[in-house]
Amino acid sequence: MSENSLSFIAIIAILAVTIVLIRGLKSFFSGGNLEEKKKSNKLMQMRVFLQFCAIIILMSLAYIYGK
């Protein structure tokens, strides 16, 4: 893979984390009923997973570019 495609993948991962974070916070603060709280909790769990993936991608890029 080229450097540009790897950088694009990293940007997509960071944007995915940001979008899920914003949706989760919006759901959390608009909350009220039990259904919204469950949705907010699932979004925050997804955010943690996406953050893990983004960190792995960024650390891999740092390792590759550092050589």
PDB file of N, CA and C in Angstrom:
ATOM      1  N   MET A   1       0.842  -1.190   0.000  1.00  0.00           N
ATOM      2  CA  MET A   1       0.000   0.000   0.000  1.00  0.00           C
ATOM      3  C   MET A   1       0.880   1.245   0.000  1.00  0.00           C
ATOM      4  N   SER A   2       0.392   2.273  -0.638  1.00  0.00           N
ATOM      5  CA  SER A   2       1.157   3.505  -0.681  1.00  0.00           C
ATOM      6  C   SER A   2       0.927   4.321   0.589  1.00  0.00           C
ATOM      7  N   GLU A   3       1.771   5.310   0.767  1.00  0.00           N
ATOM      8  CA  GLU A   3       1.664   6.172   1.951  1.00  0.00           C
ATOM      9  C   GLU A   3       0.337   6.928   1.959  1.00  0.00           C
ATOM     10  N   ASN A   4      -0.096   7.353   0.785  1.00  0.00           N
ATOM     11  CA  ASN A   4      -1.353   8.114   0.708  1.00  0.00           C
ATOM     12  C   ASN A   4      -2.551   7.273   1.116  1.00  0.00           C
ATOM     13  N   SER A   5      -2.588   6.019   0.696  1.00  0.00           N
ATOM     14  CA  SER A   5      -3.732   5.181   1.044  1.00  0.00           C
ATOM     15  C   SER A   5      -3.731   4.852   2.534  1.00  0.00           C
ATOM     16  N   LEU A   6      -2.556   4.656   3.126  1.00  0.00           N
ATOM     17  CA  LEU A   6      -2.490   4.409   4.563  1.00  0.00           C
ATOM     18  C   LEU A   6      -2.910   5.644   5.354  1.00  0.00           C
ATOM     19  N   SER A   7      -2.504   6.799   4.899  1.00  0.00           N
ATOM     20  CA  SER A   7      -2.912   8.035   5.559  1.00  0.00           C
ATOM     21  C   SER A   7      -4.420   8.241   5.439  1.00  0.00           C
ATOM     22  N   PHE A   8      -4.982   7.887   4.286  1.00  0.00           N
ATOM     23  CA  PHE A   8      -6.420   8.002   4.082  1.00  0.00           C
ATOM     24  C   PHE A   8      -7.172   7.089   5.044  1.00  0.00           C
ATOM     25  N   ILE A   9      -6.682   5.880   5.235  1.00  0.00           N
ATOM     26  CA  ILE A   9      -7.305   4.944   6.168  1.00  0.00           C
ATOM     27  C   ILE A   9      -7.257   5.497   7.587  1.00  0.00           C
ATOM     28  N   ALA A  10      -6.150   6.113   7.972  1.00  0.00           N
ATOM     29  CA  ALA A  10      -6.031   6.700   9.306  1.00  0.00           C
ATOM     30  C   ALA A  10      -7.018   7.848   9.490  1.00  0.00           C
ATOM     31  N   ILE A  11      -7.169   8.665   8.476  1.00  0.00           N
ATOM     32  CA  ILE A  11      -8.113   9.785   8.560  1.00  0.00           C
ATOM     33  C   ILE A  11      -9.539   9.279   8.675  1.00  0.00           C
ATOM     34  N   ILE A  12      -9.883   8.252   7.919  1.00  0.00           N
ATOM     35  CA  ILE A  12     -11.216   7.661   7.995  1.00  0.00           C
ATOM     36  C   ILE A  12     -11.471   7.102   9.397  1.00  0.00           C
ATOM     37  N   ALA A  13     -10.477   6.444   9.994  1.00  0.00           N
ATOM     38  CA  ALA A  13     -10.632   5.887  11.342  1.00  0.00           C
ATOM     39  C   ALA A  13     -10.878   6.999  12.360  1.00  0.00           C
ATOM     40  N   ILE A  14     -10.144   8.090  12.258  1.00  0.00           N
ATOM     41  CA  ILE A  14     -10.311   9.202  13.186  1.00  0.00           C
ATOM     42  C   ILE A  14     -11.681   9.860  13.002  1.00  0.00           C
ATOM     43  N   LEU A  15     -12.110  10.013  11.763  1.00  0.00           N
ATOM     44  CA  LEU A  15     -13.433  10.589  11.508  1.00  0.00           C
ATOM     45  C   LEU A  15     -14.542   9.687  12.043  1.00  0.00           C
ATOM     46  N   ALA A  16     -14.379   8.383  11.909  1.00  0.00           N
ATOM     47  CA  ALA A  16     -15.384   7.453  12.423  1.00  0.00           C
ATOM     48  C   ALA A  16     -15.514   7.585  13.934  1.00  0.00           C
ATOM     49  N   VAL A  17     -14.389   7.689  14.633  1.00  0.00           N
ATOM     50  CA  VAL A  17     -14.422   7.867  16.090  1.00  0.00           C
ATOM     51  C   VAL A  17     -15.125   9.168  16.446  1.00  0.00           C
ATOM     52  N   THR A  18     -14.813  10.227  15.731  1.00  0.00           N
ATOM     53  CA  THR A  18     -15.409  11.532  16.009  1.00  0.00           C
ATOM     54  C   THR A  18     -16.924  11.518  15.782  1.00  0.00           C
ATOM     55  N   ILE A  19     -17.352  10.911  14.693  1.00  0.00           N
ATOM     56  CA  ILE A  19     -18.788  10.866  14.390  1.00  0.00           C
ATOM     57  C   ILE A  19     -19.546  10.066  15.447  1.00  0.00           C
ATOM     58  N   VAL A  20     -19.008   8.913  15.824  1.00  0.00           N
ATOM     59  CA  VAL A  20     -19.680   8.090  16.831  1.00  0.00           C
ATOM     60  C   VAL A  20     -19.690   8.800  18.184  1.00  0.00           C
ATOM     61  N   LEU A  21     -18.605   9.500  18.515  1.00  0.00           N
ATOM     62  CA  LEU A  21     -18.557  10.253  19.763  1.00  0.00           C
ATOM     63  C   LEU A  21     -19.638  11.329  19.790  1.00  0.00           C
ATOM     64  N   ILE A  22     -19.765  12.081  18.720  1.00  0.00           N
ATOM     65  CA  ILE A  22     -20.756  13.157  18.669  1.00  0.00           C
ATOM     66  C   ILE A  22     -22.176  12.599  18.738  1.00  0.00           C
ATOM     67  N   ARG A  23     -22.436  11.525  18.004  1.00  0.00           N
ATOM     68  CA  ARG A  23     -23.773  10.914  18.050  1.00  0.00           C
ATOM     69  C   ARG A  23     -24.089  10.364  19.434  1.00  0.00           C
ATOM     70  N   GLY A  24     -23.087   9.746  20.077  1.00  0.00           N
ATOM     71  CA  GLY A  24     -23.301   9.206  21.421  1.00  0.00           C
ATOM     72  C   GLY A  24     -23.568  10.296  22.440  1.00  0.00           C
ATOM     73  N   LEU A  25     -22.816  11.385  22.362  1.00  0.00           N
ATOM     74  CA  LEU A  25     -23.029  12.494  23.295  1.00  0.00           C
ATOM     75  C   LEU A  25     -24.382  13.153  23.065  1.00  0.00           C
ATOM     76  N   LYS A  26     -24.760  13.301  21.798  1.00  0.00           N
ATOM     77  CA  LYS A  26     -26.064  13.890  21.486  1.00  0.00           C
ATOM     78  C   LYS A  26     -27.186  13.015  22.044  1.00  0.00           C
ATOM     79  N   SER A  27     -27.058  11.721  21.867  1.00  0.00           N
ATOM     80  CA  SER A  27     -28.061  10.782  22.378  1.00  0.00           C
ATOM     81  C   SER A  27     -28.086  10.794  23.901  1.00  0.00           C
ATOM     82  N   PHE A  28     -26.913  10.903  24.511  1.00  0.00           N
ATOM     83  CA  PHE A  28     -26.819  10.912  25.968  1.00  0.00           C
ATOM     84  C   PHE A  28     -27.486  12.143  26.556  1.00  0.00           C
ATOM     85  N   PHE A  29     -27.218  13.315  25.985  1.00  0.00           N
ATOM     86  CA  PHE A  29     -27.748  14.544  26.559  1.00  0.00           C
ATOM     87  C   PHE A  29     -29.206  14.799  26.198  1.00  0.00           C
ATOM     88  N   SER A  30     -29.672  14.239  25.078  1.00  0.00           N
ATOM     89  CA  SER A  30     -31.089  14.391  24.756  1.00  0.00           C
ATOM     90  C   SER A  30     -31.919  13.375  25.523  1.00  0.00           C
ATOM     91  N   GLY A  31     -31.295  12.304  25.912  1.00  0.00           N
ATOM     92  CA  GLY A  31     -31.816  11.186  26.691  1.00  0.00           C
ATOM     93  C   GLY A  31     -33.211  11.323  27.261  1.00  0.00           C
ATOM     94  N   GLY A  32     -33.437  10.691  28.332  1.00  0.00           N
ATOM     95  CA  GLY A  32     -34.739  10.709  28.955  1.00  0.00           C
ATOM     96  C   GLY A  32     -35.235   9.290  29.150  1.00  0.00           C
ATOM     97  N   ASN A  33     -35.712   8.688  28.055  1.00  0.00           N
ATOM     98  CA  ASN A  33     -36.259   7.344  28.194  1.00  0.00           C
ATOM     99  C   ASN A  33     -35.160   6.281  28.167  1.00  0.00           C
ATOM    100  N   LEU A  34     -35.530   5.078  28.513  1.00  0.00           N
ATOM    101  CA  LEU A  34     -34.583   3.969  28.629  1.00  0.00           C
ATOM    102  C   LEU A  34     -33.991   3.598  27.272  1.00  0.00           C
ATOM    103  N   GLU A  35     -34.791   3.701  26.232  1.00  0.00           N
ATOM    104  CA  GLU A  35     -34.314   3.343  24.882  1.00  0.00           C
ATOM    105  C   GLU A  35     -33.158   4.246  24.449  1.00  0.00           C
ATOM    106  N   GLU A  36     -33.254   5.538  24.710  1.00  0.00           N
ATOM    107  CA  GLU A  36     -32.183   6.474  24.351  1.00  0.00           C
ATOM    108  C   GLU A  36     -30.917   6.205  25.155  1.00  0.00           C
ATOM    109  N   LYS A  37     -31.066   5.833  26.408  1.00  0.00           N
ATOM    110  CA  LYS A  37     -29.894   5.532  27.239  1.00  0.00           C
ATOM    111  C   LYS A  37     -29.182   4.282  26.738  1.00  0.00           C
ATOM    112  N   LYS A  38     -29.943   3.283  26.297  1.00  0.00           N
ATOM    113  CA  LYS A  38     -29.333   2.071  25.745  1.00  0.00           C
ATOM    114  C   LYS A  38     -28.602   2.385  24.443  1.00  0.00           C
ATOM    115  N   LYS A  39     -29.215   3.221  23.614  1.00  0.00           N
ATOM    116  CA  LYS A  39     -28.593   3.617  22.356  1.00  0.00           C
ATOM    117  C   LYS A  39     -27.293   4.370  22.617  1.00  0.00           C
ATOM    118  N   SER A  40     -27.318   5.277  23.577  1.00  0.00           N
ATOM    119  CA  SER A  40     -26.127   6.039  23.931  1.00  0.00           C
ATOM    120  C   SER A  40     -25.020   5.124  24.435  1.00  0.00           C
ATOM    121  N   ASN A  41     -25.388   4.151  25.249  1.00  0.00           N
ATOM    122  CA  ASN A  41     -24.401   3.213  25.788  1.00  0.00           C
ATOM    123  C   ASN A  41     -23.772   2.389  24.666  1.00  0.00           C
ATOM    124  N   LYS A  42     -24.573   1.916  23.722  1.00  0.00           N
ATOM    125  CA  LYS A  42     -24.048   1.139  22.589  1.00  0.00           C
ATOM    126  C   LYS A  42     -23.126   1.986  21.723  1.00  0.00           C
ATOM    127  N   LEU A  43     -23.485   3.251  21.523  1.00  0.00           N
ATOM    128  CA  LEU A  43     -22.625   4.134  20.732  1.00  0.00           C
ATOM    129  C   LEU A  43     -21.290   4.373  21.431  1.00  0.00           C
ATOM    130  N   MET A  44     -21.306   4.514  22.735  1.00  0.00           N
ATOM    131  CA  MET A  44     -20.053   4.729  23.455  1.00  0.00           C
ATOM    132  C   MET A  44     -19.197   3.461  23.465  1.00  0.00           C
ATOM    133  N   GLN A  45     -19.831   2.295  23.498  1.00  0.00           N
ATOM    134  CA  GLN A  45     -19.070   1.049  23.385  1.00  0.00           C
ATOM    135  C   GLN A  45     -18.435   0.942  22.003  1.00  0.00           C
ATOM    136  N   MET A  46     -19.179   1.341  20.974  1.00  0.00           N
ATOM    137  CA  MET A  46     -18.642   1.333  19.623  1.00  0.00           C
ATOM    138  C   MET A  46     -17.484   2.318  19.504  1.00  0.00           C
ATOM    139  N   ARG A  47     -17.598   3.460  20.172  1.00  0.00           N
ATOM    140  CA  ARG A  47     -16.528   4.459  20.138  1.00  0.00           C
ATOM    141  C   ARG A  47     -15.246   3.905  20.714  1.00  0.00           C
ATOM    142  N   VAL A  48     -15.343   3.175  21.827  1.00  0.00           N
ATOM    143  CA  VAL A  48     -14.152   2.594  22.447  1.00  0.00           C
ATOM    144  C   VAL A  48     -13.485   1.614  21.484  1.00  0.00           C
ATOM    145  N   PHE A  49     -14.283   0.787  20.813  1.00  0.00           N
ATOM    146  CA  PHE A  49     -13.732  -0.162  19.844  1.00  0.00           C
ATOM    147  C   PHE A  49     -13.075   0.573  18.679  1.00  0.00           C
ATOM    148  N   LEU A  50     -13.741   1.609  18.164  1.00  0.00           N
ATOM    149  CA  LEU A  50     -13.173   2.372  17.052  1.00  0.00           C
ATOM    150  C   LEU A  50     -11.903   3.107  17.463  1.00  0.00           C
ATOM    151  N   GLN A  51     -11.855   3.586  18.703  1.00  0.00           N
ATOM    152  CA  GLN A  51     -10.635   4.231  19.185  1.00  0.00           C
ATOM    153  C   GLN A  51      -9.490   3.234  19.237  1.00  0.00           C
ATOM    154  N   PHE A  52      -9.774   2.019  19.668  1.00  0.00           N
ATOM    155  CA  PHE A  52      -8.751   0.978  19.699  1.00  0.00           C
ATOM    156  C   PHE A  52      -8.211   0.726  18.295  1.00  0.00           C
ATOM    157  N   CYS A  53      -9.118   0.595  17.325  1.00  0.00           N
ATOM    158  CA  CYS A  53      -8.705   0.364  15.939  1.00  0.00           C
ATOM    159  C   CYS A  53      -7.895   1.541  15.401  1.00  0.00           C
ATOM    160  N   ALA A  54      -8.334   2.762  15.703  1.00  0.00           N
ATOM    161  CA  ALA A  54      -7.618   3.953  15.237  1.00  0.00           C
ATOM    162  C   ALA A  54      -6.221   4.030  15.838  1.00  0.00           C
ATOM    163  N   ILE A  55      -6.086   3.673  17.096  1.00  0.00           N
ATOM    164  CA  ILE A  55      -4.768   3.698  17.733  1.00  0.00           C
ATOM    165  C   ILE A  55      -3.852   2.659  17.100  1.00  0.00           C
ATOM    166  N   ILE A  56      -4.376   1.471  16.831  1.00  0.00           N
ATOM    167  CA  ILE A  56      -3.573   0.435  16.169  1.00  0.00           C
ATOM    168  C   ILE A  56      -3.120   0.917  14.796  1.00  0.00           C
ATOM    169  N   ILE A  57      -4.017   1.528  14.044  1.00  0.00           N
ATOM    170  CA  ILE A  57      -3.669   2.036  12.710  1.00  0.00           C
ATOM    171  C   ILE A  57      -2.610   3.122  12.815  1.00  0.00           C
ATOM    172  N   LEU A  58      -2.795   4.070  13.727  1.00  0.00           N
ATOM    173  CA  LEU A  58      -1.833   5.173  13.867  1.00  0.00           C
ATOM    174  C   LEU A  58      -0.464   4.681  14.341  1.00  0.00           C
ATOM    175  N   MET A  59      -0.453   3.723  15.251  1.00  0.00           N
ATOM    176  CA  MET A  59       0.827   3.181  15.722  1.00  0.00           C
ATOM    177  C   MET A  59       1.521   2.397  14.607  1.00  0.00           C
ATOM    178  N   SER A  60       0.741   1.701  13.791  1.00  0.00           N
ATOM    179  CA  SER A  60       1.333   0.984  12.649  1.00  0.00           C
ATOM    180  C   SER A  60       1.943   1.966  11.656  1.00  0.00           C
ATOM    181  N   LEU A  61       1.232   3.057  11.401  1.00  0.00           N
ATOM    182  CA  LEU A  61       1.778   4.074  10.495  1.00  0.00           C
ATOM    183  C   LEU A  61       3.041   4.706  11.059  1.00  0.00           C
ATOM    184  N   ALA A  62       3.057   4.963  12.353  1.00  0.00           N
ATOM    185  CA  ALA A  62       4.244   5.539  12.974  1.00  0.00           C
ATOM    186  C   ALA A  62       5.423   4.566  12.865  1.00  0.00           C
ATOM    187  N   TYR A  63       5.147   3.296  13.013  1.00  0.00           N
ATOM    188  CA  TYR A  63       6.216   2.294  12.894  1.00  0.00           C
ATOM    189  C   TYR A  63       6.724   2.209  11.470  1.00  0.00           C
ATOM    190  N   ILE A  64       5.791   2.209  10.503  1.00  0.00           N
ATOM    191  CA  ILE A  64       6.172   2.094   9.107  1.00  0.00           C
ATOM    192  C   ILE A  64       6.948   3.326   8.647  1.00  0.00           C
ATOM    193  N   TYR A  65       6.446   4.522   8.969  1.00  0.00           N
ATOM    194  CA  TYR A  65       7.100   5.756   8.550  1.00  0.00           C
ATOM    195  C   TYR A  65       8.390   6.031   9.323  1.00  0.00           C
ATOM    196  N   GLY A  66       8.514   5.450  10.506  1.00  0.00           N
ATOM    197  CA  GLY A  66       9.691   5.671  11.323  1.00  0.00           C
ATOM    198  C   GLY A  66      10.914   4.930  10.829  1.00  0.00           C
ATOM    199  N   LYS A  67      10.711   3.945   9.985  1.00  0.00           N
ATOM    200  CA  LYS A  67      11.850   3.141   9.474  1.00  0.00           C
ATOM    201  C   LYS A  67      12.637   3.888   8.461  1.00  0.00           C
TER     202      LYS A  67
END
